[in-house]
Amino acid sequence: MGLPAKKRTPRSRDDRRSHHALKPTTGKKCEKCDTPVLPHHACAKCGTYKGKQVIDVEKRLKRSVRSKKTA
């Protein structure tokens, strides 16, 4: 079983952890409804991606309401 030969200094420890910081998420606005959207994701509000309708939001909303009634 290996053991550390020397104690790591706080500076060495912090240098190793320098890449662990969270990076801010970049966002853009939906072309249709101007809500913030993550890049390469469909808009959750209107269901469009690159100007095309890809998600039927009304159908999805009805499904979620129906599942809440049964629960």
C-alpha atoms as a PDB file:
ATOM      1  CA  MET A   1       0.000   0.000   0.000  1.00  0.00           C
ATOM      2  CA  GLY A   2       1.548   3.289  -1.076  1.00  0.00           C
ATOM      3  CA  LEU A   3       1.847   6.217   1.289  1.00  0.00           C
ATOM      4  CA  PRO A   4       2.760   9.822   0.534  1.00  0.00           C
ATOM      5  CA  ALA A   5       6.502  10.370   0.826  1.00  0.00           C
ATOM      6  CA  LYS A   6       6.113  14.057   1.754  1.00  0.00           C
ATOM      7  CA  LYS A   7       3.347  16.302   2.992  1.00  0.00           C
ATOM      8  CA  ARG A   8       1.605  18.328   0.293  1.00  0.00           C
ATOM      9  CA  THR A   9       1.771  22.030   1.042  1.00  0.00           C
ATOM     10  CA  PRO A  10      -1.393  24.131   1.027  1.00  0.00           C
ATOM     11  CA  ARG A  11      -0.093  25.898  -2.065  1.00  0.00           C
ATOM     12  CA  SER A  12       0.375  22.599  -3.898  1.00  0.00           C
ATOM     13  CA  ARG A  13      -3.085  21.447  -2.821  1.00  0.00           C
ATOM     14  CA  ASP A  14      -4.713  24.700  -3.992  1.00  0.00           C
ATOM     15  CA  ASP A  15      -2.837  24.616  -7.297  1.00  0.00           C
ATOM     16  CA  ARG A  16      -4.221  21.151  -7.928  1.00  0.00           C
ATOM     17  CA  ARG A  17      -7.757  22.353  -7.187  1.00  0.00           C
ATOM     18  CA  SER A  18      -7.513  25.441  -9.377  1.00  0.00           C
ATOM     19  CA  HIS A  19      -9.591  23.802 -12.134  1.00  0.00           C
ATOM     20  CA  HIS A  20     -12.437  22.750  -9.834  1.00  0.00           C
ATOM     21  CA  ALA A  21     -14.247  26.092  -9.913  1.00  0.00           C
ATOM     22  CA  LEU A  22     -17.680  26.228 -11.535  1.00  0.00           C
ATOM     23  CA  LYS A  23     -17.849  28.092 -14.813  1.00  0.00           C
ATOM     24  CA  PRO A  24     -20.806  30.366 -15.573  1.00  0.00           C
ATOM     25  CA  THR A  25     -23.328  28.896 -18.000  1.00  0.00           C
ATOM     26  CA  THR A  26     -23.688  30.694 -21.271  1.00  0.00           C
ATOM     27  CA  GLY A  27     -27.154  31.249 -22.602  1.00  0.00           C
ATOM     28  CA  LYS A  28     -29.000  32.746 -25.494  1.00  0.00           C
ATOM     29  CA  LYS A  29     -32.512  33.983 -26.124  1.00  0.00           C
ATOM     30  CA  CYS A  30     -35.141  31.992 -27.958  1.00  0.00           C
ATOM     31  CA  GLU A  31     -35.771  33.447 -31.422  1.00  0.00           C
ATOM     32  CA  LYS A  32     -39.527  33.121 -31.048  1.00  0.00           C
ATOM     33  CA  CYS A  33     -40.372  34.017 -27.432  1.00  0.00           C
ATOM     34  CA  ASP A  34     -37.156  35.661 -26.099  1.00  0.00           C
ATOM     35  CA  THR A  35     -36.858  33.407 -23.042  1.00  0.00           C
ATOM     36  CA  PRO A  36     -33.359  32.333 -21.954  1.00  0.00           C
ATOM     37  CA  VAL A  37     -32.356  28.955 -23.416  1.00  0.00           C
ATOM     38  CA  LEU A  38     -29.227  26.842 -23.078  1.00  0.00           C
ATOM     39  CA  PRO A  39     -27.298  26.418 -26.333  1.00  0.00           C
ATOM     40  CA  HIS A  40     -28.206  23.310 -28.377  1.00  0.00           C
ATOM     41  CA  HIS A  41     -31.450  22.826 -26.419  1.00  0.00           C
ATOM     42  CA  ALA A  42     -35.057  23.292 -27.462  1.00  0.00           C
ATOM     43  CA  CYS A  43     -37.001  26.087 -25.782  1.00  0.00           C
ATOM     44  CA  ALA A  44     -39.092  24.709 -22.913  1.00  0.00           C
ATOM     45  CA  LYS A  45     -41.692  27.449 -23.245  1.00  0.00           C
ATOM     46  CA  CYS A  46     -42.521  27.383 -26.967  1.00  0.00           C
ATOM     47  CA  GLY A  47     -40.833  24.124 -28.088  1.00  0.00           C
ATOM     48  CA  THR A  48     -38.752  25.526 -30.963  1.00  0.00           C
ATOM     49  CA  TYR A  49     -35.176  24.719 -31.943  1.00  0.00           C
ATOM     50  CA  LYS A  50     -33.345  26.590 -34.707  1.00  0.00           C
ATOM     51  CA  GLY A  51     -36.611  28.200 -35.777  1.00  0.00           C
ATOM     52  CA  LYS A  52     -38.473  24.888 -36.158  1.00  0.00           C
ATOM     53  CA  GLN A  53     -41.229  23.483 -33.945  1.00  0.00           C
ATOM     54  CA  VAL A  54     -39.810  20.284 -32.411  1.00  0.00           C
ATOM     55  CA  ILE A  55     -41.861  19.827 -29.205  1.00  0.00           C
ATOM     56  CA  ASP A  56     -45.636  19.961 -28.916  1.00  0.00           C
ATOM     57  CA  VAL A  57     -45.796  21.991 -25.687  1.00  0.00           C
ATOM     58  CA  GLU A  58     -49.599  21.857 -25.355  1.00  0.00           C
ATOM     59  CA  LYS A  59     -49.613  18.043 -25.593  1.00  0.00           C
ATOM     60  CA  ARG A  60     -46.840  17.825 -23.020  1.00  0.00           C
ATOM     61  CA  LEU A  61     -48.694  20.189 -20.658  1.00  0.00           C
ATOM     62  CA  LYS A  62     -51.891  18.125 -20.932  1.00  0.00           C
ATOM     63  CA  ARG A  63     -49.916  14.970 -20.147  1.00  0.00           C
ATOM     64  CA  SER A  64     -48.353  16.516 -17.024  1.00  0.00           C
ATOM     65  CA  VAL A  65     -51.736  17.770 -15.794  1.00  0.00           C
ATOM     66  CA  ARG A  66     -53.269  14.329 -16.355  1.00  0.00           C
ATOM     67  CA  SER A  67     -50.467  12.611 -14.414  1.00  0.00           C
ATOM     68  CA  LYS A  68     -50.879  15.053 -11.500  1.00  0.00           C
ATOM     69  CA  LYS A  69     -54.612  14.244 -11.286  1.00  0.00           C
ATOM     70  CA  THR A  70     -53.970  10.532 -10.871  1.00  0.00           C
ATOM     71  CA  ALA A  71     -51.307  11.073  -8.213  1.00  0.00           C
END
